[in-house]
Amino acid sequence: MARYWFRQKRYGLGATPNTWQGWVLVLVGVALLVAGVVINGKDPQEVWLGSLLIFAGVVPVSIIVWFKTEGGWRWRWGDDD
C-alpha cells in the first residue's frame, strides 16, 4: 500500500504535508526558490541560473506533491465533501 506524503486541504485547492517526506520536499522546494532569488539579485550575468533554480523549485516539486496527495487535488468546501 502506497503511503501518501500529503493530504488534501479541507477548504480550497491543494495539499498540506502529512509525513516527514512531505516536509522535506517542501523545504527543498523553498530552498531552491530562495537560492534562485538570491542568485538573480547578485549578478545580472547569472540570471539564467537563478531562473533555473526557481523553475526547479516550483515545477518538479508541484508535480511530486500532486502525485503524492491522497485523494487528489480538487476544490473542497470543508465537511460537504
PDB file of N, CA and C in Angstrom:
ATOM      1  N   MET A   1       0.839  -1.183   0.000  1.00  0.00           N
ATOM      2  CA  MET A   1       0.000   0.000   0.000  1.00  0.00           C
ATOM      3  C   MET A   1       0.885   1.248   0.000  1.00  0.00           C
ATOM      4  N   ALA A   2       0.615   2.142  -0.923  1.00  0.00           N
ATOM      5  CA  ALA A   2       1.409   3.368  -1.047  1.00  0.00           C
ATOM      6  C   ALA A   2       1.056   4.335   0.078  1.00  0.00           C
ATOM      7  N   ARG A   3       2.066   4.921   0.669  1.00  0.00           N
ATOM      8  CA  ARG A   3       1.852   5.923   1.702  1.00  0.00           C
ATOM      9  C   ARG A   3       1.934   7.300   1.065  1.00  0.00           C
ATOM     10  N   TYR A   4       0.905   8.082   1.264  1.00  0.00           N
ATOM     11  CA  TYR A   4       0.877   9.423   0.686  1.00  0.00           C
ATOM     12  C   TYR A   4       1.611  10.404   1.591  1.00  0.00           C
ATOM     13  N   TRP A   5       2.360  11.327   0.981  1.00  0.00           N
ATOM     14  CA  TRP A   5       3.151  12.297   1.731  1.00  0.00           C
ATOM     15  C   TRP A   5       2.341  13.538   2.079  1.00  0.00           C
ATOM     16  N   PHE A   6       1.226  13.749   1.373  1.00  0.00           N
ATOM     17  CA  PHE A   6       0.405  14.939   1.574  1.00  0.00           C
ATOM     18  C   PHE A   6      -1.055  14.541   1.715  1.00  0.00           C
ATOM     19  N   ARG A   7      -1.825  15.385   2.397  1.00  0.00           N
ATOM     20  CA  ARG A   7      -3.271  15.187   2.479  1.00  0.00           C
ATOM     21  C   ARG A   7      -3.952  16.420   1.886  1.00  0.00           C
ATOM     22  N   GLN A   8      -5.142  16.222   1.384  1.00  0.00           N
ATOM     23  CA  GLN A   8      -5.855  17.327   0.760  1.00  0.00           C
ATOM     24  C   GLN A   8      -6.262  18.344   1.827  1.00  0.00           C
ATOM     25  N   LYS A   9      -6.333  19.590   1.394  1.00  0.00           N
ATOM     26  CA  LYS A   9      -6.771  20.647   2.294  1.00  0.00           C
ATOM     27  C   LYS A   9      -8.271  20.525   2.522  1.00  0.00           C
ATOM     28  N   ARG A  10      -8.741  20.990   3.662  1.00  0.00           N
ATOM     29  CA  ARG A  10     -10.161  20.920   3.974  1.00  0.00           C
ATOM     30  C   ARG A  10     -10.963  21.952   3.165  1.00  0.00           C
ATOM     31  N   TYR A  11     -10.382  23.132   2.966  1.00  0.00           N
ATOM     32  CA  TYR A  11     -11.025  24.188   2.191  1.00  0.00           C
ATOM     33  C   TYR A  11     -10.085  24.621   1.080  1.00  0.00           C
ATOM     34  N   GLY A  12     -10.612  24.811  -0.103  1.00  0.00           N
ATOM     35  CA  GLY A  12      -9.819  25.311  -1.209  1.00  0.00           C
ATOM     36  C   GLY A  12      -9.159  24.207  -2.015  1.00  0.00           C
ATOM     37  N   LEU A  13      -8.087  24.567  -2.691  1.00  0.00           N
ATOM     38  CA  LEU A  13      -7.383  23.666  -3.596  1.00  0.00           C
ATOM     39  C   LEU A  13      -5.967  23.455  -3.089  1.00  0.00           C
ATOM     40  N   GLY A  14      -5.488  22.214  -3.172  1.00  0.00           N
ATOM     41  CA  GLY A  14      -4.105  21.959  -2.812  1.00  0.00           C
ATOM     42  C   GLY A  14      -3.953  20.904  -1.750  1.00  0.00           C
ATOM     43  N   ALA A  15      -2.769  20.875  -1.142  1.00  0.00           N
ATOM     44  CA  ALA A  15      -2.431  19.836  -0.179  1.00  0.00           C
ATOM     45  C   ALA A  15      -1.521  20.405   0.900  1.00  0.00           C
ATOM     46  N   THR A  16      -1.398  19.640   1.973  1.00  0.00           N
ATOM     47  CA  THR A  16      -0.512  20.008   3.068  1.00  0.00           C
ATOM     48  C   THR A  16       0.316  18.786   3.458  1.00  0.00           C
ATOM     49  N   PRO A  17       1.566  18.970   3.878  1.00  0.00           N
ATOM     50  CA  PRO A  17       2.399  17.815   4.214  1.00  0.00           C
ATOM     51  C   PRO A  17       1.799  16.974   5.325  1.00  0.00           C
ATOM     52  N   ASN A  18       1.940  15.651   5.179  1.00  0.00           N
ATOM     53  CA  ASN A  18       1.373  14.702   6.122  1.00  0.00           C
ATOM     54  C   ASN A  18       2.444  13.828   6.754  1.00  0.00           C
ATOM     55  N   THR A  19       3.618  13.744   6.139  1.00  0.00           N
ATOM     56  CA  THR A  19       4.708  12.906   6.630  1.00  0.00           C
ATOM     57  C   THR A  19       6.004  13.711   6.604  1.00  0.00           C
ATOM     58  N   TRP A  20       7.061  13.121   7.175  1.00  0.00           N
ATOM     59  CA  TRP A  20       8.352  13.814   7.170  1.00  0.00           C
ATOM     60  C   TRP A  20       8.877  13.972   5.746  1.00  0.00           C
ATOM     61  N   GLN A  21       8.553  13.007   4.850  1.00  0.00           N
ATOM     62  CA  GLN A  21       8.996  13.119   3.462  1.00  0.00           C
ATOM     63  C   GLN A  21       8.358  14.333   2.786  1.00  0.00           C
ATOM     64  N   GLY A  22       7.098  14.577   3.096  1.00  0.00           N
ATOM     65  CA  GLY A  22       6.422  15.746   2.551  1.00  0.00           C
ATOM     66  C   GLY A  22       7.045  17.042   3.030  1.00  0.00           C
ATOM     67  N   TRP A  23       7.377  17.099   4.308  1.00  0.00           N
ATOM     68  CA  TRP A  23       8.013  18.306   4.843  1.00  0.00           C
ATOM     69  C   TRP A  23       9.389  18.517   4.236  1.00  0.00           C
ATOM     70  N   VAL A  24      10.148  17.440   4.031  1.00  0.00           N
ATOM     71  CA  VAL A  24      11.467  17.569   3.406  1.00  0.00           C
ATOM     72  C   VAL A  24      11.324  18.095   1.985  1.00  0.00           C
ATOM     73  N   LEU A  25      10.343  17.581   1.247  1.00  0.00           N
ATOM     74  CA  LEU A  25      10.122  18.049  -0.122  1.00  0.00           C
ATOM     75  C   LEU A  25       9.762  19.532  -0.139  1.00  0.00           C
ATOM     76  N   VAL A  26       8.924  19.966   0.767  1.00  0.00           N
ATOM     77  CA  VAL A  26       8.559  21.382   0.845  1.00  0.00           C
ATOM     78  C   VAL A  26       9.790  22.233   1.169  1.00  0.00           C
ATOM     79  N   LEU A  27      10.609  21.795   2.110  1.00  0.00           N
ATOM     80  CA  LEU A  27      11.814  22.550   2.472  1.00  0.00           C
ATOM     81  C   LEU A  27      12.815  22.618   1.322  1.00  0.00           C
ATOM     82  N   VAL A  28      12.959  21.534   0.571  1.00  0.00           N
ATOM     83  CA  VAL A  28      13.847  21.541  -0.596  1.00  0.00           C
ATOM     84  C   VAL A  28      13.338  22.540  -1.636  1.00  0.00           C
ATOM     85  N   GLY A  29      12.028  22.535  -1.879  1.00  0.00           N
ATOM     86  CA  GLY A  29      11.456  23.485  -2.832  1.00  0.00           C
ATOM     87  C   GLY A  29      11.664  24.923  -2.409  1.00  0.00           C
ATOM     88  N   VAL A  30      11.465  25.210  -1.134  1.00  0.00           N
ATOM     89  CA  VAL A  30      11.666  26.571  -0.627  1.00  0.00           C
ATOM     90  C   VAL A  30      13.139  26.964  -0.727  1.00  0.00           C
ATOM     91  N   ALA A  31      14.040  26.027  -0.413  1.00  0.00           N
ATOM     92  CA  ALA A  31      15.476  26.324  -0.509  1.00  0.00           C
ATOM     93  C   ALA A  31      15.876  26.645  -1.942  1.00  0.00           C
ATOM     94  N   LEU A  32      15.349  25.912  -2.914  1.00  0.00           N
ATOM     95  CA  LEU A  32      15.644  26.194  -4.320  1.00  0.00           C
ATOM     96  C   LEU A  32      15.108  27.565  -4.735  1.00  0.00           C
ATOM     97  N   LEU A  33      13.904  27.902  -4.272  1.00  0.00           N
ATOM     98  CA  LEU A  33      13.342  29.215  -4.585  1.00  0.00           C
ATOM     99  C   LEU A  33      14.189  30.338  -3.996  1.00  0.00           C
ATOM    100  N   VAL A  34      14.576  30.207  -2.742  1.00  0.00           N
ATOM    101  CA  VAL A  34      15.382  31.244  -2.094  1.00  0.00           C
ATOM    102  C   VAL A  34      16.740  31.379  -2.785  1.00  0.00           C
ATOM    103  N   ALA A  35      17.368  30.251  -3.109  1.00  0.00           N
ATOM    104  CA  ALA A  35      18.666  30.298  -3.798  1.00  0.00           C
ATOM    105  C   ALA A  35      18.524  30.985  -5.157  1.00  0.00           C
ATOM    106  N   GLY A  36      17.450  30.699  -5.872  1.00  0.00           N
ATOM    107  CA  GLY A  36      17.230  31.334  -7.171  1.00  0.00           C
ATOM    108  C   GLY A  36      17.043  32.830  -7.055  1.00  0.00           C
ATOM    109  N   VAL A  37      16.300  33.263  -6.058  1.00  0.00           N
ATOM    110  CA  VAL A  37      16.075  34.698  -5.865  1.00  0.00           C
ATOM    111  C   VAL A  37      17.375  35.395  -5.467  1.00  0.00           C
ATOM    112  N   VAL A  38      18.160  34.770  -4.606  1.00  0.00           N
ATOM    113  CA  VAL A  38      19.430  35.369  -4.182  1.00  0.00           C
ATOM    114  C   VAL A  38      20.392  35.484  -5.364  1.00  0.00           C
ATOM    115  N   ILE A  39      20.479  34.447  -6.169  1.00  0.00           N
ATOM    116  CA  ILE A  39      21.382  34.480  -7.334  1.00  0.00           C
ATOM    117  C   ILE A  39      20.913  35.512  -8.353  1.00  0.00           C
ATOM    118  N   ASN A  40      19.594  35.606  -8.564  1.00  0.00           N
ATOM    119  CA  ASN A  40      19.079  36.603  -9.510  1.00  0.00           C
ATOM    120  C   ASN A  40      19.395  38.021  -9.061  1.00  0.00           C
ATOM    121  N   GLY A  41      19.478  38.256  -7.765  1.00  0.00           N
ATOM    122  CA  GLY A  41      19.720  39.603  -7.264  1.00  0.00           C
ATOM    123  C   GLY A  41      21.176  40.012  -7.246  1.00  0.00           C
ATOM    124  N   LYS A  42      22.104  39.072  -7.370  1.00  0.00           N
ATOM    125  CA  LYS A  42      23.526  39.388  -7.241  1.00  0.00           C
ATOM    126  C   LYS A  42      24.175  39.797  -8.554  1.00  0.00           C
ATOM    127  N   ASP A  43      24.128  38.940  -9.543  1.00  0.00           N
ATOM    128  CA  ASP A  43      24.888  39.173 -10.764  1.00  0.00           C
ATOM    129  C   ASP A  43      23.965  39.069 -11.982  1.00  0.00           C
ATOM    130  N   PRO A  44      23.825  40.120 -12.752  1.00  0.00           N
ATOM    131  CA  PRO A  44      22.946  40.068 -13.922  1.00  0.00           C
ATOM    132  C   PRO A  44      23.359  39.010 -14.944  1.00  0.00           C
ATOM    133  N   GLN A  45      24.632  38.627 -14.943  1.00  0.00           N
ATOM    134  CA  GLN A  45      25.091  37.605 -15.885  1.00  0.00           C
ATOM    135  C   GLN A  45      24.603  36.209 -15.502  1.00  0.00           C
ATOM    136  N   GLU A  46      24.177  36.027 -14.263  1.00  0.00           N
ATOM    137  CA  GLU A  46      23.756  34.707 -13.793  1.00  0.00           C
ATOM    138  C   GLU A  46      22.247  34.614 -13.597  1.00  0.00           C
ATOM    139  N   VAL A  47      21.498  35.437 -14.283  1.00  0.00           N
ATOM    140  CA  VAL A  47      20.041  35.391 -14.171  1.00  0.00           C
ATOM    141  C   VAL A  47      19.506  34.040 -14.633  1.00  0.00           C
ATOM    142  N   TRP A  48      20.137  33.436 -15.623  1.00  0.00           N
ATOM    143  CA  TRP A  48      19.681  32.138 -16.117  1.00  0.00           C
ATOM    144  C   TRP A  48      19.783  31.078 -15.031  1.00  0.00           C
ATOM    145  N   LEU A  49      20.825  31.127 -14.203  1.00  0.00           N
ATOM    146  CA  LEU A  49      21.000  30.143 -13.143  1.00  0.00           C
ATOM    147  C   LEU A  49      19.938  30.322 -12.060  1.00  0.00           C
ATOM    148  N   GLY A  50      19.699  31.559 -11.684  1.00  0.00           N
ATOM    149  CA  GLY A  50      18.651  31.831 -10.696  1.00  0.00           C
ATOM    150  C   GLY A  50      17.285  31.420 -11.196  1.00  0.00           C
ATOM    151  N   SER A  51      17.009  31.702 -12.467  1.00  0.00           N
ATOM    152  CA  SER A  51      15.722  31.316 -13.046  1.00  0.00           C
ATOM    153  C   SER A  51      15.573  29.801 -13.108  1.00  0.00           C
ATOM    154  N   LEU A  52      16.662  29.112 -13.403  1.00  0.00           N
ATOM    155  CA  LEU A  52      16.635  27.649 -13.430  1.00  0.00           C
ATOM    156  C   LEU A  52      16.354  27.078 -12.043  1.00  0.00           C
ATOM    157  N   LEU A  53      16.952  27.657 -11.018  1.00  0.00           N
ATOM    158  CA  LEU A  53      16.695  27.193  -9.654  1.00  0.00           C
ATOM    159  C   LEU A  53      15.254  27.459  -9.234  1.00  0.00           C
ATOM    160  N   ILE A  54      14.718  28.601  -9.614  1.00  0.00           N
ATOM    161  CA  ILE A  54      13.319  28.900  -9.308  1.00  0.00           C
ATOM    162  C   ILE A  54      12.404  27.909 -10.015  1.00  0.00           C
ATOM    163  N   PHE A  55      12.676  27.639 -11.284  1.00  0.00           N
ATOM    164  CA  PHE A  55      11.891  26.658 -12.038  1.00  0.00           C
ATOM    165  C   PHE A  55      11.971  25.284 -11.378  1.00  0.00           C
ATOM    166  N   ALA A  56      13.183  24.885 -10.960  1.00  0.00           N
ATOM    167  CA  ALA A  56      13.374  23.581 -10.322  1.00  0.00           C
ATOM    168  C   ALA A  56      12.715  23.526  -8.953  1.00  0.00           C
ATOM    169  N   GLY A  57      12.488  24.667  -8.347  1.00  0.00           N
ATOM    170  CA  GLY A  57      11.821  24.698  -7.054  1.00  0.00           C
ATOM    171  C   GLY A  57      10.320  24.677  -7.150  1.00  0.00           C
ATOM    172  N   VAL A  58       9.777  24.982  -8.304  1.00  0.00           N
ATOM    173  CA  VAL A  58       8.324  25.062  -8.433  1.00  0.00           C
ATOM    174  C   VAL A  58       7.748  23.877  -9.212  1.00  0.00           C
ATOM    175  N   VAL A  59       8.202  23.663 -10.406  1.00  0.00           N
ATOM    176  CA  VAL A  59       7.556  22.683 -11.290  1.00  0.00           C
ATOM    177  C   VAL A  59       7.712  21.240 -10.810  1.00  0.00           C
ATOM    178  N   PRO A  60       8.927  20.716 -10.644  1.00  0.00           N
ATOM    179  CA  PRO A  60       9.027  19.315 -10.223  1.00  0.00           C
ATOM    180  C   PRO A  60       8.438  19.060  -8.832  1.00  0.00           C
ATOM    181  N   VAL A  61       8.631  20.015  -7.920  1.00  0.00           N
ATOM    182  CA  VAL A  61       8.079  19.835  -6.579  1.00  0.00           C
ATOM    183  C   VAL A  61       6.552  19.801  -6.640  1.00  0.00           C
ATOM    184  N   SER A  62       5.951  20.667  -7.437  1.00  0.00           N
ATOM    185  CA  SER A  62       4.493  20.669  -7.575  1.00  0.00           C
ATOM    186  C   SER A  62       3.976  19.363  -8.168  1.00  0.00           C
ATOM    187  N   ILE A  63       4.681  18.821  -9.131  1.00  0.00           N
ATOM    188  CA  ILE A  63       4.265  17.556  -9.745  1.00  0.00           C
ATOM    189  C   ILE A  63       4.346  16.418  -8.730  1.00  0.00           C
ATOM    190  N   ILE A  64       5.430  16.378  -7.961  1.00  0.00           N
ATOM    191  CA  ILE A  64       5.563  15.328  -6.942  1.00  0.00           C
ATOM    192  C   ILE A  64       4.460  15.461  -5.894  1.00  0.00           C
ATOM    193  N   VAL A  65       4.181  16.682  -5.457  1.00  0.00           N
ATOM    194  CA  VAL A  65       3.106  16.896  -4.479  1.00  0.00           C
ATOM    195  C   VAL A  65       1.779  16.415  -5.044  1.00  0.00           C
ATOM    196  N   TRP A  66       1.523  16.707  -6.293  1.00  0.00           N
ATOM    197  CA  TRP A  66       0.271  16.301  -6.926  1.00  0.00           C
ATOM    198  C   TRP A  66       0.116  14.775  -6.928  1.00  0.00           C
ATOM    199  N   PHE A  67       1.197  14.066  -7.278  1.00  0.00           N
ATOM    200  CA  PHE A  67       1.133  12.602  -7.325  1.00  0.00           C
ATOM    201  C   PHE A  67       1.099  11.977  -5.933  1.00  0.00           C
ATOM    202  N   LYS A  68       1.677  12.633  -4.947  1.00  0.00           N
ATOM    203  CA  LYS A  68       1.775  12.060  -3.606  1.00  0.00           C
ATOM    204  C   LYS A  68       0.673  12.542  -2.665  1.00  0.00           C
ATOM    205  N   THR A  69      -0.405  13.154  -3.206  1.00  0.00           N
ATOM    206  CA  THR A  69      -1.510  13.623  -2.383  1.00  0.00           C
ATOM    207  C   THR A  69      -2.634  12.604  -2.375  1.00  0.00           C
ATOM    208  N   GLU A  70      -3.036  12.210  -1.185  1.00  0.00           N
ATOM    209  CA  GLU A  70      -4.143  11.267  -1.039  1.00  0.00           C
ATOM    210  C   GLU A  70      -5.450  11.956  -1.417  1.00  0.00           C
ATOM    211  N   GLY A  71      -6.188  11.368  -2.324  1.00  0.00           N
ATOM    212  CA  GLY A  71      -7.464  11.930  -2.740  1.00  0.00           C
ATOM    213  C   GLY A  71      -7.369  12.925  -3.881  1.00  0.00           C
ATOM    214  N   GLY A  72      -6.177  13.269  -4.306  1.00  0.00           N
ATOM    215  CA  GLY A  72      -6.009  14.184  -5.434  1.00  0.00           C
ATOM    216  C   GLY A  72      -6.329  15.624  -5.083  1.00  0.00           C
ATOM    217  N   TRP A  73      -6.187  16.468  -6.090  1.00  0.00           N
ATOM    218  CA  TRP A  73      -6.465  17.889  -5.925  1.00  0.00           C
ATOM    219  C   TRP A  73      -7.801  18.231  -6.563  1.00  0.00           C
ATOM    220  N   ARG A  74      -8.639  18.872  -5.826  1.00  0.00           N
ATOM    221  CA  ARG A  74      -9.878  19.454  -6.334  1.00  0.00           C
ATOM    222  C   ARG A  74     -10.356  20.469  -5.309  1.00  0.00           C
ATOM    223  N   TRP A  75     -11.253  21.323  -5.729  1.00  0.00           N
ATOM    224  CA  TRP A  75     -11.767  22.342  -4.830  1.00  0.00           C
ATOM    225  C   TRP A  75     -12.604  21.674  -3.751  1.00  0.00           C
ATOM    226  N   ARG A  76     -12.378  22.045  -2.502  1.00  0.00           N
ATOM    227  CA  ARG A  76     -13.101  21.443  -1.382  1.00  0.00           C
ATOM    228  C   ARG A  76     -13.797  22.529  -0.565  1.00  0.00           C
ATOM    229  N   TRP A  77     -14.952  22.150  -0.007  1.00  0.00           N
ATOM    230  CA  TRP A  77     -15.775  23.068   0.770  1.00  0.00           C
ATOM    231  C   TRP A  77     -15.930  22.617   2.216  1.00  0.00           C
ATOM    232  N   GLY A  78     -14.927  21.981   2.783  1.00  0.00           N
ATOM    233  CA  GLY A  78     -14.996  21.571   4.187  1.00  0.00           C
ATOM    234  C   GLY A  78     -15.699  20.244   4.351  1.00  0.00           C
ATOM    235  N   ASP A  79     -16.664  20.188   5.261  1.00  0.00           N
ATOM    236  CA  ASP A  79     -17.342  18.939   5.592  1.00  0.00           C
ATOM    237  C   ASP A  79     -18.343  18.478   4.539  1.00  0.00           C
ATOM    238  N   ASP A  80     -18.600  19.312   3.529  1.00  0.00           N
ATOM    239  CA  ASP A  80     -19.560  18.939   2.487  1.00  0.00           C
ATOM    240  C   ASP A  80     -19.051  17.818   1.612  1.00  0.00           C
ATOM    241  N   ASP A  81     -17.731  17.573   1.581  1.00  0.00           N
ATOM    242  CA  ASP A  81     -17.150  16.539   0.715  1.00  0.00           C
ATOM    243  C   ASP A  81     -17.060  15.216   1.421  1.00  0.00           C
TER     244      ASP A  81
END
